[in-house]
Amino acid sequence: MKQLTMFKIDEDDSKYSKKIDAPVYHPRGIQPDIRLLCDDSKTRSLVDEIKASNIKDEEKEFLIKAASRHSVFYYEKIADFYCYSSPEMQRLMERSGLVIIDFDSAIANGFVKICKDIRKQYLEEYEQ
């Protein structure tokens, strides 16, 4: 079973804080049913309506892709599911951004865009 580290920036009285807490996520003991990880009822409804329409096929294709943004993801359940998944499933979930294991993997998977100079400065300030 793999544990997740979640990052939280502590916001005190100032707008920005240098304090970064990395709490460890503790799974709740069971892997939830995969059907409980998201609610795609609105997406499915829109897709049905789009398919039944008289618009051009290329327009349908575009709208069907756009409809997926209406799906609601339950990240706490997704984290529980991740912890009990196969290594291959975990890797794919990480690549999809469903879970972010650490800062370096977030950068590697393109979820954090940061230039080398900023990264260097960050490491100088926070790796103490």
N, C-alpha and C. Protein backbone atom coordinates (compact mmCIF):
# COMPACT_ATOMS: atom_id res chain seq x y z
N MET A 1 0.85 -1.17 0.00
CA MET A 1 0.00 0.00 0.00
C MET A 1 0.90 1.23 0.00
N LYS A 2 0.61 2.17 -0.86
CA LYS A 2 1.40 3.38 -1.00
C LYS A 2 0.72 4.53 -0.28
N GLN A 3 1.49 5.36 0.44
CA GLN A 3 0.92 6.52 1.10
C GLN A 3 1.18 7.76 0.27
N LEU A 4 0.28 8.69 0.30
CA LEU A 4 0.40 9.93 -0.45
C LEU A 4 0.87 11.04 0.47
N THR A 5 1.69 11.93 -0.06
CA THR A 5 2.07 13.14 0.65
C THR A 5 1.36 14.29 -0.02
N MET A 6 0.61 15.04 0.74
CA MET A 6 -0.12 16.18 0.19
C MET A 6 0.57 17.45 0.66
N PHE A 7 0.66 18.44 -0.21
CA PHE A 7 1.34 19.67 0.12
C PHE A 7 0.35 20.76 0.48
N LYS A 8 0.66 21.49 1.53
CA LYS A 8 -0.20 22.57 1.98
C LYS A 8 0.70 23.74 2.35
N ILE A 9 0.39 24.89 1.83
CA ILE A 9 1.14 26.09 2.20
C ILE A 9 0.41 26.76 3.34
N ASP A 10 1.13 26.95 4.43
CA ASP A 10 0.55 27.58 5.62
C ASP A 10 0.44 29.08 5.39
N GLU A 11 -0.77 29.59 5.45
CA GLU A 11 -0.99 31.01 5.25
C GLU A 11 -1.16 31.68 6.60
N ASP A 12 -0.17 32.47 6.98
CA ASP A 12 -0.29 33.21 8.22
C ASP A 12 -0.84 34.59 7.92
N ASP A 13 -0.39 35.61 8.62
CA ASP A 13 -0.92 36.96 8.42
C ASP A 13 -0.51 37.58 7.08
N SER A 14 0.59 37.12 6.50
CA SER A 14 1.04 37.68 5.23
C SER A 14 0.38 36.97 4.06
N LYS A 15 0.45 37.60 2.91
CA LYS A 15 -0.15 37.00 1.72
C LYS A 15 0.61 35.74 1.31
N TYR A 16 1.92 35.75 1.50
CA TYR A 16 2.75 34.61 1.13
C TYR A 16 3.51 34.12 2.36
N SER A 17 3.71 32.84 2.42
CA SER A 17 4.41 32.25 3.55
C SER A 17 5.50 31.34 3.03
N LYS A 18 6.60 31.26 3.75
CA LYS A 18 7.68 30.36 3.36
C LYS A 18 7.52 28.99 4.02
N LYS A 19 6.56 28.86 4.93
CA LYS A 19 6.36 27.60 5.62
C LYS A 19 5.53 26.67 4.75
N ILE A 20 6.06 25.48 4.50
CA ILE A 20 5.34 24.49 3.70
C ILE A 20 5.21 23.22 4.54
N ASP A 21 3.99 22.79 4.77
CA ASP A 21 3.74 21.55 5.48
C ASP A 21 3.44 20.47 4.46
N ALA A 22 3.95 19.29 4.69
CA ALA A 22 3.67 18.17 3.80
C ALA A 22 3.04 17.04 4.61
N PRO A 23 1.74 17.15 4.89
CA PRO A 23 1.10 16.10 5.68
C PRO A 23 1.05 14.80 4.89
N VAL A 24 1.10 13.71 5.61
CA VAL A 24 1.02 12.39 4.98
C VAL A 24 -0.43 11.96 4.98
N TYR A 25 -0.92 11.55 3.83
CA TYR A 25 -2.29 11.06 3.70
C TYR A 25 -2.34 9.62 4.20
N HIS A 26 -3.31 9.33 5.04
CA HIS A 26 -3.47 7.98 5.56
C HIS A 26 -4.76 7.38 4.99
N PRO A 27 -4.63 6.29 4.23
CA PRO A 27 -5.83 5.65 3.65
C PRO A 27 -6.78 5.19 4.75
N ARG A 28 -8.06 5.12 4.39
CA ARG A 28 -9.08 4.77 5.37
C ARG A 28 -9.32 3.27 5.49
N GLY A 29 -8.51 2.46 4.86
CA GLY A 29 -8.60 1.03 5.10
C GLY A 29 -9.26 0.20 4.02
N ILE A 30 -10.01 0.80 3.13
CA ILE A 30 -10.62 0.03 2.05
C ILE A 30 -10.52 0.79 0.74
N GLN A 31 -10.48 0.02 -0.34
CA GLN A 31 -10.49 0.65 -1.66
C GLN A 31 -11.94 0.86 -2.07
N PRO A 32 -12.33 2.12 -2.32
CA PRO A 32 -13.72 2.37 -2.73
C PRO A 32 -13.99 1.80 -4.12
N ASP A 33 -15.23 1.50 -4.37
CA ASP A 33 -15.65 1.04 -5.69
C ASP A 33 -15.32 2.14 -6.69
N ILE A 34 -14.76 1.75 -7.82
CA ILE A 34 -14.32 2.73 -8.82
C ILE A 34 -15.48 3.59 -9.32
N ARG A 35 -16.70 3.08 -9.26
CA ARG A 35 -17.86 3.86 -9.71
C ARG A 35 -18.19 5.01 -8.78
N LEU A 36 -17.58 5.05 -7.59
CA LEU A 36 -17.83 6.12 -6.63
C LEU A 36 -16.80 7.24 -6.70
N LEU A 37 -15.85 7.15 -7.62
CA LEU A 37 -14.78 8.13 -7.69
C LEU A 37 -15.17 9.42 -8.40
N CYS A 38 -16.22 9.37 -9.18
CA CYS A 38 -16.67 10.58 -9.86
C CYS A 38 -18.17 10.49 -10.18
N ASP A 39 -18.73 11.65 -10.41
CA ASP A 39 -20.13 11.74 -10.84
C ASP A 39 -20.11 12.29 -12.26
N ASP A 40 -20.44 11.45 -13.22
CA ASP A 40 -20.43 11.89 -14.62
C ASP A 40 -21.85 11.93 -15.19
N SER A 41 -22.84 12.06 -14.32
CA SER A 41 -24.23 12.05 -14.79
C SER A 41 -24.52 13.22 -15.73
N LYS A 42 -24.02 14.41 -15.42
CA LYS A 42 -24.25 15.55 -16.31
C LYS A 42 -23.53 15.34 -17.64
N THR A 43 -22.33 14.81 -17.59
CA THR A 43 -21.57 14.53 -18.82
C THR A 43 -22.35 13.56 -19.69
N ARG A 44 -22.81 12.46 -19.10
CA ARG A 44 -23.56 11.45 -19.88
C ARG A 44 -24.83 12.04 -20.47
N SER A 45 -25.52 12.88 -19.70
CA SER A 45 -26.74 13.52 -20.20
C SER A 45 -26.45 14.42 -21.40
N LEU A 46 -25.39 15.21 -21.28
CA LEU A 46 -25.01 16.08 -22.40
C LEU A 46 -24.60 15.28 -23.64
N VAL A 47 -23.83 14.21 -23.42
CA VAL A 47 -23.39 13.38 -24.54
C VAL A 47 -24.59 12.76 -25.25
N ASP A 48 -25.57 12.28 -24.49
CA ASP A 48 -26.78 11.72 -25.10
C ASP A 48 -27.50 12.78 -25.94
N GLU A 49 -27.60 13.99 -25.41
CA GLU A 49 -28.26 15.08 -26.13
C GLU A 49 -27.49 15.45 -27.39
N ILE A 50 -26.18 15.48 -27.29
CA ILE A 50 -25.34 15.82 -28.44
C ILE A 50 -25.48 14.75 -29.53
N LYS A 51 -25.42 13.49 -29.14
CA LYS A 51 -25.53 12.40 -30.11
C LYS A 51 -26.88 12.41 -30.82
N ALA A 52 -27.92 12.81 -30.12
CA ALA A 52 -29.27 12.83 -30.70
C ALA A 52 -29.52 14.07 -31.56
N SER A 53 -28.60 15.01 -31.53
CA SER A 53 -28.79 16.26 -32.28
C SER A 53 -28.57 16.07 -33.78
N ASN A 54 -28.92 17.11 -34.53
CA ASN A 54 -28.77 17.08 -35.99
C ASN A 54 -27.56 17.88 -36.46
N ILE A 55 -26.64 18.18 -35.56
CA ILE A 55 -25.47 18.95 -35.95
C ILE A 55 -24.45 18.05 -36.66
N LYS A 56 -23.44 18.67 -37.28
CA LYS A 56 -22.41 17.94 -38.02
C LYS A 56 -21.64 17.02 -37.08
N ASP A 57 -21.12 15.93 -37.64
CA ASP A 57 -20.36 14.96 -36.84
C ASP A 57 -19.14 15.59 -36.17
N GLU A 58 -18.45 16.47 -36.88
CA GLU A 58 -17.27 17.12 -36.28
C GLU A 58 -17.68 18.05 -35.14
N GLU A 59 -18.85 18.65 -35.22
CA GLU A 59 -19.35 19.47 -34.12
C GLU A 59 -19.71 18.59 -32.93
N LYS A 60 -20.33 17.45 -33.20
CA LYS A 60 -20.65 16.50 -32.13
C LYS A 60 -19.38 16.05 -31.42
N GLU A 61 -18.37 15.72 -32.21
CA GLU A 61 -17.11 15.25 -31.64
C GLU A 61 -16.52 16.30 -30.70
N PHE A 62 -16.53 17.55 -31.13
CA PHE A 62 -16.01 18.64 -30.30
C PHE A 62 -16.82 18.77 -29.01
N LEU A 63 -18.14 18.80 -29.12
CA LEU A 63 -18.98 18.98 -27.94
C LEU A 63 -18.90 17.80 -26.98
N ILE A 64 -18.72 16.62 -27.51
CA ILE A 64 -18.57 15.43 -26.65
C ILE A 64 -17.27 15.54 -25.84
N LYS A 65 -16.20 15.99 -26.48
CA LYS A 65 -14.94 16.20 -25.74
C LYS A 65 -15.14 17.25 -24.65
N ALA A 66 -15.83 18.33 -24.98
CA ALA A 66 -16.05 19.41 -24.02
C ALA A 66 -16.96 18.98 -22.86
N ALA A 67 -17.85 18.07 -23.12
CA ALA A 67 -18.81 17.65 -22.10
C ALA A 67 -18.13 17.00 -20.90
N SER A 68 -16.95 16.41 -21.11
CA SER A 68 -16.28 15.71 -20.01
C SER A 68 -15.88 16.65 -18.87
N ARG A 69 -15.80 17.96 -19.16
CA ARG A 69 -15.42 18.89 -18.10
C ARG A 69 -16.51 19.04 -17.04
N HIS A 70 -17.68 18.48 -17.28
CA HIS A 70 -18.77 18.55 -16.31
C HIS A 70 -18.74 17.39 -15.31
N SER A 71 -17.80 16.47 -15.49
CA SER A 71 -17.66 15.38 -14.53
C SER A 71 -17.08 15.92 -13.22
N VAL A 72 -17.59 15.42 -12.12
CA VAL A 72 -17.13 15.83 -10.79
C VAL A 72 -16.28 14.70 -10.22
N PHE A 73 -15.05 15.02 -9.81
CA PHE A 73 -14.15 14.03 -9.26
C PHE A 73 -14.06 14.18 -7.75
N TYR A 74 -14.11 13.07 -7.04
CA TYR A 74 -14.04 13.04 -5.58
C TYR A 74 -12.63 12.62 -5.18
N TYR A 75 -11.75 13.60 -4.97
CA TYR A 75 -10.33 13.33 -4.81
C TYR A 75 -9.98 12.58 -3.53
N GLU A 76 -10.75 12.72 -2.49
CA GLU A 76 -10.48 11.94 -1.28
C GLU A 76 -10.69 10.45 -1.56
N LYS A 77 -11.77 10.13 -2.26
CA LYS A 77 -12.02 8.73 -2.63
C LYS A 77 -11.00 8.25 -3.65
N ILE A 78 -10.60 9.15 -4.55
CA ILE A 78 -9.58 8.79 -5.54
C ILE A 78 -8.27 8.45 -4.84
N ALA A 79 -7.91 9.21 -3.80
CA ALA A 79 -6.69 8.93 -3.05
C ALA A 79 -6.77 7.57 -2.37
N ASP A 80 -7.93 7.24 -1.79
CA ASP A 80 -8.12 5.92 -1.19
C ASP A 80 -7.99 4.83 -2.24
N PHE A 81 -8.59 5.03 -3.39
CA PHE A 81 -8.53 4.05 -4.47
C PHE A 81 -7.09 3.84 -4.91
N TYR A 82 -6.36 4.93 -5.07
CA TYR A 82 -4.96 4.91 -5.52
C TYR A 82 -4.11 4.02 -4.61
N CYS A 83 -4.27 4.19 -3.30
CA CYS A 83 -3.43 3.48 -2.33
C CYS A 83 -3.51 1.97 -2.44
N TYR A 84 -4.61 1.46 -2.94
CA TYR A 84 -4.81 0.02 -3.03
C TYR A 84 -4.76 -0.50 -4.47
N SER A 85 -4.32 0.36 -5.39
CA SER A 85 -4.29 -0.02 -6.81
C SER A 85 -2.97 -0.67 -7.18
N SER A 86 -2.96 -1.30 -8.34
CA SER A 86 -1.74 -1.91 -8.85
C SER A 86 -0.73 -0.82 -9.19
N PRO A 87 0.56 -1.16 -9.22
CA PRO A 87 1.57 -0.15 -9.60
C PRO A 87 1.29 0.49 -10.96
N GLU A 88 0.81 -0.28 -11.91
CA GLU A 88 0.51 0.29 -13.22
C GLU A 88 -0.64 1.30 -13.14
N MET A 89 -1.68 0.96 -12.39
CA MET A 89 -2.80 1.89 -12.22
C MET A 89 -2.33 3.15 -11.49
N GLN A 90 -1.51 2.98 -10.47
CA GLN A 90 -0.98 4.13 -9.74
C GLN A 90 -0.19 5.05 -10.67
N ARG A 91 0.65 4.47 -11.49
CA ARG A 91 1.45 5.27 -12.42
C ARG A 91 0.56 6.06 -13.37
N LEU A 92 -0.48 5.42 -13.89
CA LEU A 92 -1.39 6.09 -14.81
C LEU A 92 -2.20 7.17 -14.11
N MET A 93 -2.58 6.93 -12.87
CA MET A 93 -3.30 7.95 -12.10
C MET A 93 -2.39 9.16 -11.85
N GLU A 94 -1.12 8.90 -11.57
CA GLU A 94 -0.16 9.99 -11.38
C GLU A 94 0.01 10.78 -12.68
N ARG A 95 0.15 10.08 -13.80
CA ARG A 95 0.32 10.74 -15.10
C ARG A 95 -0.90 11.58 -15.47
N SER A 96 -2.07 11.15 -15.00
CA SER A 96 -3.31 11.88 -15.29
C SER A 96 -3.55 13.04 -14.34
N GLY A 97 -2.73 13.16 -13.32
CA GLY A 97 -2.90 14.23 -12.35
C GLY A 97 -4.00 13.97 -11.34
N LEU A 98 -4.46 12.73 -11.26
CA LEU A 98 -5.48 12.41 -10.27
C LEU A 98 -4.90 12.43 -8.86
N VAL A 99 -3.62 12.11 -8.75
CA VAL A 99 -2.88 12.24 -7.50
C VAL A 99 -1.52 12.85 -7.86
N ILE A 100 -1.00 13.66 -6.97
CA ILE A 100 0.34 14.22 -7.14
C ILE A 100 1.13 13.79 -5.92
N ILE A 101 2.12 12.95 -6.17
CA ILE A 101 2.87 12.32 -5.09
C ILE A 101 3.85 13.27 -4.45
N ASP A 102 4.59 14.00 -5.25
CA ASP A 102 5.56 14.93 -4.71
C ASP A 102 5.83 16.04 -5.72
N PHE A 103 6.54 17.04 -5.27
CA PHE A 103 6.82 18.22 -6.09
C PHE A 103 7.55 17.84 -7.38
N ASP A 104 8.56 16.95 -7.27
CA ASP A 104 9.33 16.56 -8.45
C ASP A 104 8.48 15.83 -9.48
N SER A 105 7.60 14.95 -9.02
CA SER A 105 6.74 14.25 -9.99
C SER A 105 5.72 15.20 -10.60
N ALA A 106 5.30 16.21 -9.84
CA ALA A 106 4.38 17.21 -10.40
C ALA A 106 5.06 17.97 -11.53
N ILE A 107 6.33 18.28 -11.35
CA ILE A 107 7.09 18.95 -12.41
C ILE A 107 7.28 18.02 -13.59
N ALA A 108 7.70 16.78 -13.32
CA ALA A 108 7.96 15.82 -14.39
C ALA A 108 6.73 15.53 -15.23
N ASN A 109 5.57 15.52 -14.61
CA ASN A 109 4.33 15.24 -15.34
C ASN A 109 3.69 16.50 -15.93
N GLY A 110 4.35 17.64 -15.78
CA GLY A 110 3.88 18.86 -16.41
C GLY A 110 2.80 19.60 -15.64
N PHE A 111 2.58 19.27 -14.36
CA PHE A 111 1.54 19.93 -13.60
C PHE A 111 2.04 21.18 -12.91
N VAL A 112 3.35 21.31 -12.83
CA VAL A 112 3.96 22.52 -12.29
C VAL A 112 4.95 23.00 -13.33
N LYS A 113 4.73 24.17 -13.87
CA LYS A 113 5.64 24.75 -14.85
C LYS A 113 6.54 25.73 -14.10
N ILE A 114 7.84 25.46 -14.15
CA ILE A 114 8.76 26.29 -13.39
C ILE A 114 10.08 26.35 -14.13
N CYS A 115 10.66 27.53 -14.23
CA CYS A 115 11.94 27.65 -14.94
C CYS A 115 13.08 27.22 -14.02
N LYS A 116 14.22 26.93 -14.62
CA LYS A 116 15.36 26.43 -13.85
C LYS A 116 15.80 27.41 -12.76
N ASP A 117 15.78 28.71 -13.06
CA ASP A 117 16.21 29.69 -12.07
C ASP A 117 15.30 29.72 -10.86
N ILE A 118 14.01 29.65 -11.09
CA ILE A 118 13.06 29.66 -9.97
C ILE A 118 13.21 28.38 -9.16
N ARG A 119 13.37 27.25 -9.84
CA ARG A 119 13.57 25.97 -9.15
C ARG A 119 14.83 26.03 -8.28
N LYS A 120 15.91 26.57 -8.84
CA LYS A 120 17.16 26.69 -8.10
C LYS A 120 16.96 27.55 -6.85
N GLN A 121 16.29 28.68 -7.02
CA GLN A 121 16.03 29.57 -5.89
C GLN A 121 15.16 28.87 -4.84
N TYR A 122 14.15 28.15 -5.29
CA TYR A 122 13.27 27.41 -4.38
C TYR A 122 14.09 26.42 -3.55
N LEU A 123 14.95 25.64 -4.21
CA LEU A 123 15.74 24.64 -3.51
C LEU A 123 16.71 25.28 -2.52
N GLU A 124 17.27 26.43 -2.90
CA GLU A 124 18.18 27.14 -1.99
C GLU A 124 17.44 27.59 -0.73
N GLU A 125 16.21 28.05 -0.88
CA GLU A 125 15.46 28.58 0.25
C GLU A 125 14.81 27.51 1.12
N TYR A 126 14.33 26.43 0.49
CA TYR A 126 13.52 25.45 1.23
C TYR A 126 14.23 24.15 1.55
N GLU A 127 15.36 23.88 0.98
CA GLU A 127 16.07 22.63 1.25
C GLU A 127 17.04 22.79 2.41
N GLN A 128 16.70 23.60 3.38
CA GLN A 128 17.59 23.84 4.52
C GLN A 128 17.18 23.04 5.70
